Amino acid sequence: MTGEHSDVRLRDVTDDDLHLFHDYEQDPEAVRRSRFTPRPRDAFLRHWRERVLGDPDCLVRTVTVEGEVAGSIVSWTEDGQRYVGYWLGRPYWARGVGTRALGLFLELERVRPLYADPFSGNTASVRLLEKHGFERAGTVRHGEDEHVLLVLGGRVLGGRAPEKRG
């Protein structure tokens, strides 16, 4: 099944999910689109277990499609700003999975304003966020790459984007 008819759900993350999340992060096309440097398995697992799942501030869910692990979606606080990020495996791209998963997640994550900063070249991710009401609020740099800063439920004060990690 594809599109709106897929059974997209969110559930708690299990340790087994982490191995699939790692595999999805290694996909060369996903890396190209996100401009995210994939991590070795041990570093990835340590980050997820300690910094994501081990942080009570993080709201994190596994995205499933018809019971299969499709990816993850997470929110966290950084420098006083609440962010959302997601990662789907390539088999789940362009099927409406991200749209449905983000909609479900935004029902759980009620903090506003909520920020996202996808790579500017990842137009599908920018469109997905805009479809859910995120508005462009500027740009931020991560190393050499420019990312679009989007905000849901608020504006960046003074026209300046918050300082971001590099």
N, C-alpha and C. Protein backbone atom coordinates (compact mmCIF):
# COMPACT_ATOMS: atom_id res chain seq x y z
N MET A 1 0.83 -1.18 0.00
CA MET A 1 0.00 0.00 0.00
C MET A 1 0.87 1.24 0.00
N THR A 2 0.38 2.29 -0.58
CA THR A 2 1.15 3.52 -0.61
C THR A 2 0.29 4.70 -0.19
N GLY A 3 0.95 5.81 -0.02
CA GLY A 3 0.27 7.06 0.25
C GLY A 3 -0.55 7.05 1.51
N GLU A 4 -1.71 7.71 1.44
CA GLU A 4 -2.55 7.91 2.61
C GLU A 4 -3.14 6.61 3.13
N HIS A 5 -3.09 5.54 2.37
CA HIS A 5 -3.70 4.28 2.79
C HIS A 5 -2.75 3.42 3.61
N SER A 6 -1.47 3.83 3.68
CA SER A 6 -0.52 3.07 4.48
C SER A 6 -0.85 3.21 5.96
N ASP A 7 -0.59 2.17 6.70
CA ASP A 7 -0.82 2.17 8.14
C ASP A 7 0.42 2.72 8.83
N VAL A 8 0.50 4.04 8.96
CA VAL A 8 1.64 4.71 9.59
C VAL A 8 1.32 4.92 11.06
N ARG A 9 2.23 4.48 11.91
CA ARG A 9 2.05 4.63 13.36
C ARG A 9 3.36 5.04 14.01
N LEU A 10 3.23 5.56 15.21
CA LEU A 10 4.38 5.87 16.05
C LEU A 10 4.32 4.97 17.27
N ARG A 11 5.49 4.51 17.71
CA ARG A 11 5.56 3.70 18.93
C ARG A 11 6.88 3.99 19.62
N ASP A 12 7.01 3.50 20.85
CA ASP A 12 8.26 3.65 21.57
C ASP A 12 9.39 2.95 20.82
N VAL A 13 10.58 3.45 20.98
CA VAL A 13 11.77 2.87 20.34
C VAL A 13 12.24 1.66 21.14
N THR A 14 12.59 0.60 20.43
CA THR A 14 13.21 -0.56 21.06
C THR A 14 14.67 -0.61 20.65
N ASP A 15 15.44 -1.37 21.40
CA ASP A 15 16.86 -1.47 21.08
C ASP A 15 17.07 -2.07 19.69
N ASP A 16 16.21 -3.00 19.28
CA ASP A 16 16.33 -3.59 17.94
C ASP A 16 16.15 -2.54 16.84
N ASP A 17 15.30 -1.53 17.10
CA ASP A 17 15.08 -0.47 16.11
C ASP A 17 16.38 0.26 15.78
N LEU A 18 17.24 0.40 16.76
CA LEU A 18 18.45 1.21 16.57
C LEU A 18 19.32 0.68 15.43
N HIS A 19 19.36 -0.61 15.27
CA HIS A 19 20.19 -1.19 14.20
C HIS A 19 19.63 -0.82 12.82
N LEU A 20 18.32 -0.81 12.68
CA LEU A 20 17.72 -0.36 11.41
C LEU A 20 17.93 1.14 11.21
N PHE A 21 17.78 1.92 12.29
CA PHE A 21 18.04 3.36 12.17
C PHE A 21 19.46 3.60 11.67
N HIS A 22 20.41 2.83 12.21
CA HIS A 22 21.81 2.97 11.77
C HIS A 22 21.94 2.64 10.29
N ASP A 23 21.33 1.55 9.88
CA ASP A 23 21.40 1.17 8.46
C ASP A 23 20.82 2.26 7.57
N TYR A 24 19.69 2.86 7.98
CA TYR A 24 19.09 3.93 7.19
C TYR A 24 20.01 5.14 7.12
N GLU A 25 20.73 5.41 8.21
CA GLU A 25 21.64 6.56 8.23
C GLU A 25 22.82 6.38 7.28
N GLN A 26 23.15 5.15 6.94
CA GLN A 26 24.29 4.86 6.07
C GLN A 26 23.97 5.00 4.59
N ASP A 27 22.70 5.11 4.23
CA ASP A 27 22.29 5.17 2.83
C ASP A 27 22.92 6.38 2.15
N PRO A 28 23.70 6.16 1.08
CA PRO A 28 24.41 7.28 0.44
C PRO A 28 23.49 8.40 -0.07
N GLU A 29 22.32 8.06 -0.57
CA GLU A 29 21.41 9.10 -1.05
C GLU A 29 20.83 9.89 0.11
N ALA A 30 20.54 9.24 1.22
CA ALA A 30 20.06 9.95 2.40
C ALA A 30 21.14 10.90 2.93
N VAL A 31 22.37 10.44 2.92
CA VAL A 31 23.49 11.28 3.36
C VAL A 31 23.62 12.50 2.45
N ARG A 32 23.51 12.28 1.15
CA ARG A 32 23.62 13.38 0.20
C ARG A 32 22.51 14.41 0.43
N ARG A 33 21.30 13.94 0.62
CA ARG A 33 20.17 14.85 0.80
C ARG A 33 20.20 15.59 2.13
N SER A 34 20.66 14.94 3.16
CA SER A 34 20.62 15.55 4.50
C SER A 34 21.88 16.32 4.83
N ARG A 35 22.98 15.99 4.15
CA ARG A 35 24.29 16.55 4.46
C ARG A 35 24.70 16.20 5.89
N PHE A 36 24.30 14.99 6.31
CA PHE A 36 24.63 14.50 7.64
C PHE A 36 25.70 13.43 7.49
N THR A 37 26.73 13.51 8.31
CA THR A 37 27.81 12.52 8.25
C THR A 37 27.40 11.28 9.04
N PRO A 38 27.30 10.13 8.35
CA PRO A 38 26.91 8.91 9.07
C PRO A 38 27.99 8.50 10.07
N ARG A 39 27.56 7.88 11.15
CA ARG A 39 28.48 7.47 12.21
C ARG A 39 28.72 5.98 12.17
N PRO A 40 29.90 5.56 12.63
CA PRO A 40 30.13 4.12 12.80
C PRO A 40 29.10 3.56 13.77
N ARG A 41 28.80 2.26 13.62
CA ARG A 41 27.74 1.62 14.42
C ARG A 41 27.90 1.87 15.92
N ASP A 42 29.10 1.67 16.48
CA ASP A 42 29.29 1.84 17.92
C ASP A 42 28.99 3.26 18.36
N ALA A 43 29.46 4.25 17.61
CA ALA A 43 29.20 5.65 17.96
C ALA A 43 27.72 5.97 17.82
N PHE A 44 27.09 5.44 16.79
CA PHE A 44 25.66 5.65 16.58
C PHE A 44 24.86 5.09 17.76
N LEU A 45 25.12 3.85 18.11
CA LEU A 45 24.38 3.20 19.20
C LEU A 45 24.61 3.92 20.53
N ARG A 46 25.84 4.33 20.78
CA ARG A 46 26.15 5.06 22.02
C ARG A 46 25.37 6.38 22.05
N HIS A 47 25.37 7.12 20.94
CA HIS A 47 24.64 8.38 20.86
C HIS A 47 23.15 8.16 21.15
N TRP A 48 22.56 7.19 20.49
CA TRP A 48 21.13 6.94 20.66
C TRP A 48 20.80 6.47 22.07
N ARG A 49 21.58 5.55 22.61
CA ARG A 49 21.28 5.01 23.93
C ARG A 49 21.49 6.05 25.03
N GLU A 50 22.57 6.84 24.92
CA GLU A 50 22.91 7.77 25.99
C GLU A 50 22.27 9.14 25.80
N ARG A 51 22.39 9.72 24.60
CA ARG A 51 21.99 11.11 24.40
C ARG A 51 20.55 11.27 23.93
N VAL A 52 19.99 10.28 23.28
CA VAL A 52 18.62 10.40 22.80
C VAL A 52 17.68 9.68 23.77
N LEU A 53 17.80 8.37 23.84
CA LEU A 53 16.91 7.60 24.72
C LEU A 53 17.20 7.86 26.19
N GLY A 54 18.43 8.21 26.52
CA GLY A 54 18.81 8.47 27.91
C GLY A 54 18.50 9.87 28.40
N ASP A 55 17.97 10.72 27.54
CA ASP A 55 17.67 12.10 27.91
C ASP A 55 16.16 12.26 28.06
N PRO A 56 15.67 12.48 29.29
CA PRO A 56 14.22 12.60 29.48
C PRO A 56 13.60 13.79 28.75
N ASP A 57 14.42 14.74 28.31
CA ASP A 57 13.91 15.88 27.54
C ASP A 57 13.54 15.49 26.11
N CYS A 58 14.14 14.44 25.60
CA CYS A 58 13.88 14.01 24.22
C CYS A 58 12.56 13.26 24.15
N LEU A 59 11.76 13.63 23.17
CA LEU A 59 10.56 12.87 22.83
C LEU A 59 10.92 12.13 21.56
N VAL A 60 10.92 10.82 21.61
CA VAL A 60 11.39 10.03 20.47
C VAL A 60 10.45 8.87 20.20
N ARG A 61 10.20 8.65 18.90
CA ARG A 61 9.32 7.57 18.49
C ARG A 61 9.88 6.87 17.26
N THR A 62 9.58 5.59 17.18
CA THR A 62 9.83 4.82 15.96
C THR A 62 8.62 5.01 15.06
N VAL A 63 8.88 5.24 13.78
CA VAL A 63 7.83 5.32 12.77
C VAL A 63 7.70 3.94 12.16
N THR A 64 6.48 3.42 12.13
CA THR A 64 6.25 2.12 11.48
C THR A 64 5.23 2.27 10.36
N VAL A 65 5.38 1.42 9.37
CA VAL A 65 4.42 1.34 8.28
C VAL A 65 4.01 -0.13 8.19
N GLU A 66 2.74 -0.36 8.44
CA GLU A 66 2.21 -1.72 8.44
C GLU A 66 3.06 -2.65 9.29
N GLY A 67 3.51 -2.11 10.45
CA GLY A 67 4.28 -2.88 11.42
C GLY A 67 5.77 -2.93 11.17
N GLU A 68 6.24 -2.47 10.02
CA GLU A 68 7.67 -2.47 9.70
C GLU A 68 8.31 -1.15 10.11
N VAL A 69 9.53 -1.20 10.62
CA VAL A 69 10.23 0.01 11.05
C VAL A 69 10.62 0.83 9.82
N ALA A 70 10.08 2.05 9.76
CA ALA A 70 10.34 2.95 8.64
C ALA A 70 11.36 4.02 8.98
N GLY A 71 11.52 4.33 10.27
CA GLY A 71 12.44 5.38 10.66
C GLY A 71 12.15 5.88 12.06
N SER A 72 12.61 7.11 12.32
CA SER A 72 12.47 7.69 13.65
C SER A 72 12.10 9.16 13.54
N ILE A 73 11.54 9.67 14.63
CA ILE A 73 11.23 11.09 14.74
C ILE A 73 11.49 11.47 16.19
N VAL A 74 12.13 12.62 16.39
CA VAL A 74 12.57 13.01 17.73
C VAL A 74 12.51 14.52 17.88
N SER A 75 12.24 14.96 19.11
CA SER A 75 12.36 16.38 19.44
C SER A 75 13.27 16.51 20.65
N TRP A 76 13.97 17.62 20.72
CA TRP A 76 14.95 17.87 21.77
C TRP A 76 15.09 19.38 21.95
N THR A 77 15.69 19.76 23.07
CA THR A 77 15.94 21.17 23.35
C THR A 77 17.43 21.43 23.22
N GLU A 78 17.75 22.48 22.49
CA GLU A 78 19.14 22.88 22.29
C GLU A 78 19.22 24.39 22.39
N ASP A 79 20.05 24.87 23.29
CA ASP A 79 20.23 26.31 23.50
C ASP A 79 18.89 27.02 23.69
N GLY A 80 18.00 26.39 24.45
CA GLY A 80 16.72 27.00 24.77
C GLY A 80 15.66 26.91 23.68
N GLN A 81 15.99 26.27 22.57
CA GLN A 81 15.04 26.12 21.45
C GLN A 81 14.66 24.65 21.32
N ARG A 82 13.40 24.39 21.03
CA ARG A 82 12.91 23.01 20.84
C ARG A 82 12.95 22.69 19.35
N TYR A 83 13.59 21.58 18.98
CA TYR A 83 13.76 21.15 17.60
C TYR A 83 13.08 19.81 17.35
N VAL A 84 12.75 19.58 16.10
CA VAL A 84 12.25 18.29 15.67
C VAL A 84 13.12 17.81 14.50
N GLY A 85 13.36 16.52 14.45
CA GLY A 85 14.09 15.92 13.34
C GLY A 85 13.55 14.52 13.09
N TYR A 86 13.78 14.04 11.90
CA TYR A 86 13.27 12.71 11.53
C TYR A 86 14.19 12.11 10.49
N TRP A 87 14.09 10.80 10.37
CA TRP A 87 14.89 10.07 9.39
C TRP A 87 14.08 8.86 8.96
N LEU A 88 13.81 8.77 7.68
CA LEU A 88 13.10 7.61 7.15
C LEU A 88 14.00 6.84 6.20
N GLY A 89 13.85 5.53 6.22
CA GLY A 89 14.56 4.69 5.26
C GLY A 89 14.05 4.95 3.85
N ARG A 90 14.93 4.82 2.86
CA ARG A 90 14.56 5.13 1.48
C ARG A 90 13.32 4.39 0.98
N PRO A 91 13.07 3.14 1.38
CA PRO A 91 11.84 2.49 0.89
C PRO A 91 10.56 3.23 1.28
N TYR A 92 10.66 4.17 2.22
CA TYR A 92 9.47 4.87 2.72
C TYR A 92 9.37 6.32 2.22
N TRP A 93 10.28 6.70 1.35
CA TRP A 93 10.24 8.05 0.79
C TRP A 93 9.12 8.15 -0.25
N ALA A 94 8.59 9.35 -0.38
CA ALA A 94 7.61 9.69 -1.44
C ALA A 94 6.36 8.81 -1.40
N ARG A 95 5.99 8.40 -0.21
CA ARG A 95 4.79 7.56 -0.03
C ARG A 95 3.80 8.18 0.95
N GLY A 96 4.06 9.39 1.41
CA GLY A 96 3.20 10.03 2.39
C GLY A 96 3.50 9.63 3.82
N VAL A 97 4.53 8.81 4.02
CA VAL A 97 4.86 8.32 5.36
C VAL A 97 5.35 9.47 6.23
N GLY A 98 6.23 10.30 5.71
CA GLY A 98 6.74 11.43 6.49
C GLY A 98 5.63 12.40 6.87
N THR A 99 4.73 12.65 5.94
CA THR A 99 3.61 13.56 6.20
C THR A 99 2.76 13.03 7.34
N ARG A 100 2.39 11.77 7.27
CA ARG A 100 1.54 11.18 8.31
C ARG A 100 2.29 11.09 9.63
N ALA A 101 3.56 10.67 9.61
CA ALA A 101 4.33 10.52 10.85
C ALA A 101 4.52 11.87 11.54
N LEU A 102 4.86 12.90 10.79
CA LEU A 102 5.05 14.21 11.40
C LEU A 102 3.73 14.73 11.97
N GLY A 103 2.64 14.51 11.27
CA GLY A 103 1.33 14.92 11.79
C GLY A 103 1.02 14.24 13.12
N LEU A 104 1.28 12.95 13.21
CA LEU A 104 1.05 12.22 14.45
C LEU A 104 1.98 12.73 15.56
N PHE A 105 3.22 12.98 15.21
CA PHE A 105 4.20 13.43 16.20
C PHE A 105 3.83 14.81 16.74
N LEU A 106 3.36 15.70 15.87
CA LEU A 106 3.01 17.05 16.31
C LEU A 106 1.81 17.05 17.25
N GLU A 107 1.04 15.97 17.27
CA GLU A 107 -0.02 15.82 18.27
C GLU A 107 0.57 15.49 19.64
N LEU A 108 1.73 14.83 19.66
CA LEU A 108 2.42 14.48 20.91
C LEU A 108 3.30 15.61 21.41
N GLU A 109 4.05 16.21 20.51
CA GLU A 109 4.99 17.29 20.85
C GLU A 109 4.23 18.60 20.77
N ARG A 110 3.88 19.15 21.93
CA ARG A 110 3.04 20.34 21.98
C ARG A 110 3.83 21.63 22.21
N VAL A 111 5.14 21.55 22.42
CA VAL A 111 5.93 22.75 22.66
C VAL A 111 5.98 23.60 21.40
N ARG A 112 5.70 24.87 21.56
CA ARG A 112 5.81 25.84 20.48
C ARG A 112 6.50 27.07 21.04
N PRO A 113 7.35 27.73 20.33
CA PRO A 113 7.68 27.39 18.95
C PRO A 113 8.52 26.12 18.87
N LEU A 114 8.40 25.46 17.73
CA LEU A 114 9.15 24.25 17.43
C LEU A 114 9.93 24.50 16.16
N TYR A 115 11.22 24.21 16.19
CA TYR A 115 12.11 24.51 15.08
C TYR A 115 12.54 23.24 14.34
N ALA A 116 12.91 23.42 13.10
CA ALA A 116 13.53 22.37 12.28
C ALA A 116 14.54 23.07 11.38
N ASP A 117 15.59 22.35 11.00
CA ASP A 117 16.61 22.98 10.15
C ASP A 117 17.18 22.00 9.12
N PRO A 118 16.34 21.58 8.17
CA PRO A 118 16.83 20.66 7.13
C PRO A 118 17.83 21.35 6.20
N PHE A 119 18.68 20.55 5.59
CA PHE A 119 19.61 21.05 4.57
C PHE A 119 18.80 21.73 3.47
N SER A 120 19.27 22.89 3.04
CA SER A 120 18.50 23.68 2.06
C SER A 120 18.25 22.93 0.76
N GLY A 121 19.14 22.00 0.40
CA GLY A 121 18.95 21.22 -0.82
C GLY A 121 17.96 20.08 -0.68
N ASN A 122 17.52 19.81 0.54
CA ASN A 122 16.56 18.73 0.77
C ASN A 122 15.15 19.32 0.66
N THR A 123 14.76 19.62 -0.57
CA THR A 123 13.49 20.31 -0.80
C THR A 123 12.29 19.48 -0.35
N ALA A 124 12.37 18.17 -0.41
CA ALA A 124 11.25 17.33 0.04
C ALA A 124 11.02 17.51 1.54
N SER A 125 12.09 17.59 2.31
CA SER A 125 11.95 17.77 3.75
C SER A 125 11.42 19.17 4.07
N VAL A 126 11.91 20.17 3.37
CA VAL A 126 11.42 21.54 3.58
C VAL A 126 9.92 21.59 3.27
N ARG A 127 9.51 21.01 2.15
CA ARG A 127 8.08 21.00 1.78
C ARG A 127 7.24 20.27 2.82
N LEU A 128 7.75 19.14 3.32
CA LEU A 128 7.03 18.37 4.33
C LEU A 128 6.76 19.24 5.57
N LEU A 129 7.77 19.93 6.03
CA LEU A 129 7.61 20.79 7.21
C LEU A 129 6.65 21.94 6.93
N GLU A 130 6.78 22.55 5.77
CA GLU A 130 5.88 23.66 5.41
C GLU A 130 4.42 23.18 5.32
N LYS A 131 4.22 21.96 4.85
CA LYS A 131 2.87 21.39 4.76
C LYS A 131 2.20 21.32 6.14
N HIS A 132 3.03 21.21 7.18
CA HIS A 132 2.52 21.12 8.55
C HIS A 132 2.50 22.47 9.26
N GLY A 133 2.72 23.55 8.50
CA GLY A 133 2.61 24.89 9.09
C GLY A 133 3.91 25.53 9.51
N PHE A 134 5.03 24.84 9.34
CA PHE A 134 6.32 25.47 9.64
C PHE A 134 6.56 26.58 8.63
N GLU A 135 7.11 27.68 9.11
CA GLU A 135 7.40 28.82 8.25
C GLU A 135 8.89 29.10 8.25
N ARG A 136 9.37 29.55 7.10
CA ARG A 136 10.80 29.89 6.98
C ARG A 136 11.12 31.08 7.87
N ALA A 137 12.21 30.93 8.62
CA ALA A 137 12.60 31.97 9.57
C ALA A 137 14.06 32.37 9.38
N GLY A 138 14.69 31.91 8.32
CA GLY A 138 16.09 32.26 8.07
C GLY A 138 16.88 31.04 7.66
N THR A 139 18.18 31.17 7.80
CA THR A 139 19.08 30.07 7.49
C THR A 139 20.11 29.93 8.60
N VAL A 140 20.66 28.75 8.71
CA VAL A 140 21.76 28.48 9.64
C VAL A 140 22.81 27.68 8.88
N ARG A 141 24.03 27.75 9.37
CA ARG A 141 25.11 26.98 8.75
C ARG A 141 25.53 25.86 9.68
N HIS A 142 25.74 24.71 9.07
CA HIS A 142 26.35 23.57 9.75
C HIS A 142 27.60 23.27 8.95
N GLY A 143 28.73 23.71 9.46
CA GLY A 143 29.96 23.55 8.69
C GLY A 143 29.86 24.35 7.40
N GLU A 144 30.04 23.67 6.29
CA GLU A 144 30.01 24.32 4.97
C GLU A 144 28.60 24.43 4.39
N ASP A 145 27.63 23.78 5.02
CA ASP A 145 26.30 23.64 4.43
C ASP A 145 25.29 24.61 5.02
N GLU A 146 24.46 25.16 4.13
CA GLU A 146 23.38 26.04 4.56
C GLU A 146 22.11 25.21 4.78
N HIS A 147 21.46 25.47 5.90
CA HIS A 147 20.21 24.80 6.24
C HIS A 147 19.12 25.85 6.38
N VAL A 148 17.90 25.46 6.05
CA VAL A 148 16.74 26.33 6.20
C VAL A 148 16.25 26.20 7.63
N LEU A 149 16.07 27.33 8.30
CA LEU A 149 15.49 27.31 9.63
C LEU A 149 13.99 27.54 9.48
N LEU A 150 13.21 26.61 9.99
CA LEU A 150 11.76 26.71 9.94
C LEU A 150 11.23 26.70 11.37
N VAL A 151 10.10 27.37 11.57
CA VAL A 151 9.52 27.45 12.91
C VAL A 151 8.01 27.24 12.81
N LEU A 152 7.49 26.52 13.78
CA LEU A 152 6.06 26.28 13.90
C LEU A 152 5.59 26.95 15.18
N GLY A 153 4.59 27.82 15.05
CA GLY A 153 3.99 28.42 16.23
C GLY A 153 4.76 29.55 16.85
N GLY A 154 5.53 30.25 16.07
CA GLY A 154 6.26 31.40 16.61
C GLY A 154 7.22 31.94 15.59
N ARG A 155 7.72 33.09 15.86
CA ARG A 155 8.69 33.74 14.99
C ARG A 155 10.02 33.86 15.71
N VAL A 156 11.08 33.92 14.95
CA VAL A 156 12.39 34.17 15.52
C VAL A 156 12.43 35.64 15.92
N LEU A 157 12.73 35.92 17.17
CA LEU A 157 12.75 37.29 17.66
C LEU A 157 13.89 38.07 17.05
N GLY A 158 13.61 39.30 16.68
CA GLY A 158 14.65 40.18 16.16
C GLY A 158 15.15 39.80 14.79
N GLY A 159 14.47 38.85 14.12
CA GLY A 159 14.87 38.47 12.78
C GLY A 159 16.14 37.63 12.72
N ARG A 160 16.65 37.23 13.88
CA ARG A 160 17.88 36.44 13.91
C ARG A 160 17.56 34.99 14.23
N ALA A 161 18.24 34.12 13.54
CA ALA A 161 18.10 32.71 13.85
C ALA A 161 18.91 32.39 15.08
N PRO A 162 18.48 31.42 15.87
CA PRO A 162 19.29 31.02 17.02
C PRO A 162 20.61 30.43 16.55
N GLU A 163 21.63 30.59 17.37
CA GLU A 163 22.93 29.99 17.04
C GLU A 163 22.77 28.48 17.02
N LYS A 164 23.43 27.84 16.07
CA LYS A 164 23.29 26.40 15.90
C LYS A 164 24.62 25.70 16.04
N ARG A 165 24.49 24.42 16.32
CA ARG A 165 25.66 23.55 16.42
C ARG A 165 26.36 23.49 15.08
N GLY A 166 27.61 23.16 15.06
CA GLY A 166 28.33 23.12 13.80
C GLY A 166 29.01 21.89 13.65
